[in-house]
Amino acid sequence: MYDVIVIFGNPDNYVSRGFKSCKKFDICIKEDFYPAAMLVKELTEGCLDKRKWRYIESEVYQIDEKAMEQFDLSFEKMEKKFQPSQEEFYIHSHSKII
């Protein structure tokens, strides 16, 4: 068993909590794509034993957009806003480490 957490987030928020770049653990998505926003924390130190790893996203993250819109209608309507942090995360999540 591998005691590891893999998340996608802004490194500024997670490095101080013990997360490191996926590149340091040789965990990629696709073929040798190391997203800057993919962060890893070993809960058991050394459990990722220098092998090359590939992160495969679970099917649970495949969102039915129409079902989501219907679900959202059950809540009080809120004004949609754009936060600068959304652009910051977009940049991180579409950048890769070489």
N, C-alpha and C. Protein backbone atom coordinates (compact mmCIF):
# COMPACT_ATOMS: atom_id res chain seq x y z
N MET A 1 0.84 -1.18 0.00
CA MET A 1 0.00 0.00 0.00
C MET A 1 0.88 1.24 0.00
N TYR A 2 0.40 2.26 -0.69
CA TYR A 2 1.14 3.52 -0.78
C TYR A 2 0.36 4.59 -0.05
N ASP A 3 0.94 5.11 1.00
CA ASP A 3 0.29 6.16 1.78
C ASP A 3 0.71 7.51 1.22
N VAL A 4 -0.07 7.96 0.23
CA VAL A 4 0.29 9.17 -0.51
C VAL A 4 -0.97 9.99 -0.77
N ILE A 5 -0.83 11.29 -0.73
CA ILE A 5 -1.90 12.20 -1.15
C ILE A 5 -1.42 12.92 -2.40
N VAL A 6 -2.23 12.92 -3.44
CA VAL A 6 -1.94 13.67 -4.66
C VAL A 6 -3.09 14.66 -4.84
N ILE A 7 -2.76 15.92 -4.94
CA ILE A 7 -3.77 16.96 -5.13
C ILE A 7 -3.33 17.89 -6.26
N PHE A 8 -4.28 18.67 -6.74
CA PHE A 8 -3.98 19.75 -7.67
C PHE A 8 -4.34 21.03 -6.95
N GLY A 9 -3.38 21.92 -6.83
CA GLY A 9 -3.62 23.17 -6.12
C GLY A 9 -2.50 24.15 -6.34
N ASN A 10 -2.65 25.31 -5.76
CA ASN A 10 -1.64 26.35 -5.85
C ASN A 10 -0.51 25.98 -4.89
N PRO A 11 0.70 25.78 -5.41
CA PRO A 11 1.82 25.41 -4.53
C PRO A 11 2.02 26.38 -3.36
N ASP A 12 1.70 27.66 -3.56
CA ASP A 12 1.84 28.64 -2.48
C ASP A 12 1.02 28.24 -1.25
N ASN A 13 -0.07 27.53 -1.46
CA ASN A 13 -0.94 27.15 -0.35
C ASN A 13 -0.57 25.83 0.30
N TYR A 14 0.20 24.98 -0.38
CA TYR A 14 0.40 23.62 0.11
C TYR A 14 1.83 23.22 0.45
N VAL A 15 2.81 23.90 -0.07
CA VAL A 15 4.21 23.53 0.21
C VAL A 15 4.51 23.62 1.69
N SER A 16 3.98 24.63 2.35
CA SER A 16 4.24 24.78 3.79
C SER A 16 3.57 23.68 4.60
N ARG A 17 2.69 22.91 3.99
CA ARG A 17 2.00 21.80 4.66
C ARG A 17 2.62 20.45 4.29
N GLY A 18 3.80 20.50 3.70
CA GLY A 18 4.53 19.26 3.42
C GLY A 18 4.36 18.69 2.03
N PHE A 19 3.62 19.35 1.16
CA PHE A 19 3.47 18.87 -0.21
C PHE A 19 4.67 19.29 -1.04
N LYS A 20 5.02 18.44 -1.99
CA LYS A 20 6.15 18.70 -2.87
C LYS A 20 5.72 18.52 -4.32
N SER A 21 6.55 18.99 -5.21
CA SER A 21 6.29 18.85 -6.64
C SER A 21 6.19 17.39 -7.04
N CYS A 22 5.25 17.09 -7.92
CA CYS A 22 5.11 15.72 -8.43
C CYS A 22 6.38 15.25 -9.14
N LYS A 23 7.12 16.18 -9.68
CA LYS A 23 8.37 15.84 -10.39
C LYS A 23 9.38 15.21 -9.43
N LYS A 24 9.41 15.66 -8.18
CA LYS A 24 10.35 15.11 -7.20
C LYS A 24 10.09 13.65 -6.91
N PHE A 25 8.84 13.20 -7.14
CA PHE A 25 8.49 11.80 -6.91
C PHE A 25 8.32 11.03 -8.22
N ASP A 26 8.61 11.70 -9.33
CA ASP A 26 8.48 11.12 -10.67
C ASP A 26 7.07 10.60 -10.92
N ILE A 27 6.08 11.43 -10.56
CA ILE A 27 4.67 11.12 -10.83
C ILE A 27 4.20 12.08 -11.91
N CYS A 28 3.77 11.52 -13.03
CA CYS A 28 3.33 12.34 -14.15
C CYS A 28 1.91 11.98 -14.56
N ILE A 29 1.36 12.79 -15.43
CA ILE A 29 0.12 12.44 -16.11
C ILE A 29 0.50 12.34 -17.58
N LYS A 30 -0.26 11.57 -18.32
CA LYS A 30 0.06 11.35 -19.73
C LYS A 30 1.49 10.85 -19.83
N GLU A 31 2.17 11.22 -20.88
CA GLU A 31 3.56 10.80 -21.06
C GLU A 31 4.50 11.93 -20.64
N ASP A 32 5.11 11.80 -19.51
CA ASP A 32 6.11 12.75 -19.02
C ASP A 32 5.59 14.18 -18.91
N PHE A 33 4.34 14.35 -18.54
CA PHE A 33 3.79 15.69 -18.29
C PHE A 33 3.65 15.84 -16.78
N TYR A 34 4.40 16.76 -16.22
CA TYR A 34 4.42 17.01 -14.78
C TYR A 34 3.76 18.38 -14.53
N PRO A 35 2.45 18.40 -14.22
CA PRO A 35 1.78 19.69 -14.00
C PRO A 35 2.34 20.42 -12.78
N ALA A 36 2.55 21.71 -12.93
CA ALA A 36 3.05 22.51 -11.82
C ALA A 36 2.09 22.49 -10.63
N ALA A 37 0.81 22.28 -10.90
CA ALA A 37 -0.20 22.28 -9.83
C ALA A 37 -0.39 20.91 -9.17
N MET A 38 0.26 19.86 -9.70
CA MET A 38 0.10 18.53 -9.09
C MET A 38 1.11 18.38 -7.96
N LEU A 39 0.59 18.23 -6.76
CA LEU A 39 1.42 18.20 -5.56
C LEU A 39 1.26 16.87 -4.85
N VAL A 40 2.32 16.43 -4.21
CA VAL A 40 2.35 15.10 -3.59
C VAL A 40 2.85 15.21 -2.15
N LYS A 41 2.22 14.42 -1.29
CA LYS A 41 2.69 14.31 0.09
C LYS A 41 2.72 12.83 0.46
N GLU A 42 3.90 12.34 0.80
CA GLU A 42 4.03 10.96 1.30
C GLU A 42 3.62 10.95 2.76
N LEU A 43 2.66 10.14 3.10
CA LEU A 43 2.26 9.99 4.50
C LEU A 43 3.18 9.00 5.21
N THR A 44 3.75 8.09 4.43
CA THR A 44 4.79 7.19 4.91
C THR A 44 6.04 7.51 4.10
N GLU A 45 7.00 8.14 4.74
CA GLU A 45 8.20 8.59 4.04
C GLU A 45 8.89 7.43 3.32
N GLY A 46 9.23 7.68 2.06
CA GLY A 46 9.95 6.69 1.26
C GLY A 46 9.09 5.65 0.59
N CYS A 47 7.77 5.75 0.74
CA CYS A 47 6.91 4.71 0.14
C CYS A 47 6.91 4.78 -1.38
N LEU A 48 7.19 5.93 -1.93
CA LEU A 48 7.33 6.05 -3.39
C LEU A 48 8.80 5.81 -3.71
N ASP A 49 9.11 4.60 -4.03
CA ASP A 49 10.48 4.09 -4.03
C ASP A 49 11.27 4.32 -5.32
N LYS A 50 11.32 5.55 -5.76
CA LYS A 50 12.16 5.94 -6.90
C LYS A 50 11.71 5.36 -8.24
N ARG A 51 10.53 4.71 -8.27
CA ARG A 51 10.01 4.25 -9.55
C ARG A 51 9.30 5.40 -10.24
N LYS A 52 9.04 5.23 -11.54
CA LYS A 52 8.25 6.21 -12.27
C LYS A 52 6.78 5.85 -12.06
N TRP A 53 5.97 6.87 -11.76
CA TRP A 53 4.56 6.69 -11.49
C TRP A 53 3.74 7.52 -12.46
N ARG A 54 2.51 7.08 -12.70
CA ARG A 54 1.59 7.85 -13.54
C ARG A 54 0.28 8.02 -12.80
N TYR A 55 -0.17 9.25 -12.69
CA TYR A 55 -1.43 9.56 -12.05
C TYR A 55 -2.54 9.42 -13.08
N ILE A 56 -3.56 8.64 -12.74
CA ILE A 56 -4.72 8.47 -13.59
C ILE A 56 -5.94 8.93 -12.81
N GLU A 57 -6.60 9.93 -13.33
CA GLU A 57 -7.75 10.49 -12.64
C GLU A 57 -8.92 9.52 -12.65
N SER A 58 -9.61 9.44 -11.53
CA SER A 58 -10.77 8.56 -11.39
C SER A 58 -11.91 9.05 -12.28
N GLU A 59 -12.72 8.10 -12.75
CA GLU A 59 -13.89 8.43 -13.56
C GLU A 59 -14.90 9.26 -12.78
N VAL A 60 -14.82 9.24 -11.47
CA VAL A 60 -15.77 10.00 -10.64
C VAL A 60 -15.68 11.50 -10.95
N TYR A 61 -14.57 11.94 -11.52
CA TYR A 61 -14.39 13.36 -11.84
C TYR A 61 -14.98 13.74 -13.19
N GLN A 62 -15.56 12.79 -13.91
CA GLN A 62 -16.23 13.09 -15.17
C GLN A 62 -17.61 13.66 -14.83
N ILE A 63 -17.77 14.95 -15.01
CA ILE A 63 -18.97 15.65 -14.57
C ILE A 63 -19.99 15.74 -15.70
N ASP A 64 -21.23 15.40 -15.38
CA ASP A 64 -22.35 15.58 -16.30
C ASP A 64 -22.80 17.04 -16.16
N GLU A 65 -22.46 17.86 -17.13
CA GLU A 65 -22.73 19.30 -17.05
C GLU A 65 -24.23 19.60 -16.89
N LYS A 66 -25.08 18.88 -17.59
CA LYS A 66 -26.53 19.13 -17.48
C LYS A 66 -27.03 18.79 -16.09
N ALA A 67 -26.59 17.68 -15.53
CA ALA A 67 -27.00 17.30 -14.18
C ALA A 67 -26.49 18.32 -13.16
N MET A 68 -25.29 18.84 -13.39
CA MET A 68 -24.73 19.85 -12.49
C MET A 68 -25.58 21.12 -12.54
N GLU A 69 -25.98 21.53 -13.73
CA GLU A 69 -26.81 22.73 -13.86
C GLU A 69 -28.14 22.55 -13.14
N GLN A 70 -28.74 21.37 -13.28
CA GLN A 70 -30.01 21.08 -12.59
C GLN A 70 -29.82 21.12 -11.08
N PHE A 71 -28.74 20.55 -10.59
CA PHE A 71 -28.43 20.56 -9.15
C PHE A 71 -28.27 21.99 -8.66
N ASP A 72 -27.55 22.80 -9.42
CA ASP A 72 -27.31 24.19 -9.02
C ASP A 72 -28.62 24.99 -8.92
N LEU A 73 -29.63 24.62 -9.71
CA LEU A 73 -30.92 25.33 -9.67
C LEU A 73 -31.64 25.14 -8.34
N SER A 74 -31.25 24.15 -7.56
CA SER A 74 -31.89 23.91 -6.27
C SER A 74 -31.38 24.85 -5.17
N PHE A 75 -30.41 25.67 -5.49
CA PHE A 75 -29.86 26.62 -4.52
C PHE A 75 -30.31 28.04 -4.84
N GLU A 76 -30.22 28.88 -3.84
CA GLU A 76 -30.51 30.29 -4.05
C GLU A 76 -29.55 30.84 -5.10
N LYS A 77 -30.08 31.63 -6.01
CA LYS A 77 -29.26 32.17 -7.09
C LYS A 77 -28.23 33.14 -6.51
N MET A 78 -26.99 32.98 -6.97
CA MET A 78 -25.90 33.86 -6.54
C MET A 78 -25.27 34.50 -7.77
N GLU A 79 -24.72 35.66 -7.57
CA GLU A 79 -24.01 36.35 -8.64
C GLU A 79 -22.71 35.60 -8.93
N LYS A 80 -22.48 35.32 -10.21
CA LYS A 80 -21.21 34.68 -10.58
C LYS A 80 -20.13 35.74 -10.58
N LYS A 81 -19.02 35.38 -9.98
CA LYS A 81 -17.88 36.31 -9.89
C LYS A 81 -16.63 35.61 -10.36
N PHE A 82 -15.67 36.39 -10.73
CA PHE A 82 -14.36 35.88 -11.11
C PHE A 82 -13.36 36.38 -10.09
N GLN A 83 -12.56 35.47 -9.53
CA GLN A 83 -11.53 35.84 -8.57
C GLN A 83 -10.16 35.71 -9.23
N PRO A 84 -9.22 36.59 -8.94
CA PRO A 84 -7.88 36.47 -9.52
C PRO A 84 -7.24 35.11 -9.23
N SER A 85 -7.58 34.49 -8.12
CA SER A 85 -7.01 33.18 -7.78
C SER A 85 -7.41 32.12 -8.81
N GLN A 86 -8.55 32.32 -9.50
CA GLN A 86 -8.96 31.37 -10.53
C GLN A 86 -7.98 31.41 -11.71
N GLU A 87 -7.55 32.58 -12.09
CA GLU A 87 -6.57 32.70 -13.17
C GLU A 87 -5.22 32.15 -12.72
N GLU A 88 -4.86 32.42 -11.48
CA GLU A 88 -3.61 31.90 -10.94
C GLU A 88 -3.59 30.37 -10.98
N PHE A 89 -4.71 29.74 -10.57
CA PHE A 89 -4.78 28.28 -10.61
C PHE A 89 -4.77 27.78 -12.04
N TYR A 90 -5.44 28.47 -12.94
CA TYR A 90 -5.44 28.08 -14.35
C TYR A 90 -4.00 28.03 -14.88
N ILE A 91 -3.24 29.06 -14.56
CA ILE A 91 -1.84 29.12 -15.01
C ILE A 91 -1.05 27.95 -14.43
N HIS A 92 -1.16 27.72 -13.14
CA HIS A 92 -0.44 26.61 -12.51
C HIS A 92 -0.85 25.26 -13.11
N SER A 93 -2.15 25.06 -13.29
CA SER A 93 -2.62 23.75 -13.73
C SER A 93 -2.34 23.47 -15.21
N HIS A 94 -2.05 24.51 -15.98
CA HIS A 94 -1.72 24.31 -17.39
C HIS A 94 -0.22 24.47 -17.66
N SER A 95 0.55 24.67 -16.62
CA SER A 95 2.01 24.77 -16.75
C SER A 95 2.63 23.44 -16.39
N LYS A 96 3.77 23.15 -17.01
CA LYS A 96 4.43 21.90 -16.68
C LYS A 96 5.86 22.17 -16.22
N ILE A 97 6.36 21.23 -15.45
CA ILE A 97 7.73 21.28 -14.95
C ILE A 97 8.59 20.44 -15.89
N ILE A 98 9.68 21.00 -16.33
CA ILE A 98 10.56 20.23 -17.23
C ILE A 98 11.87 19.93 -16.55
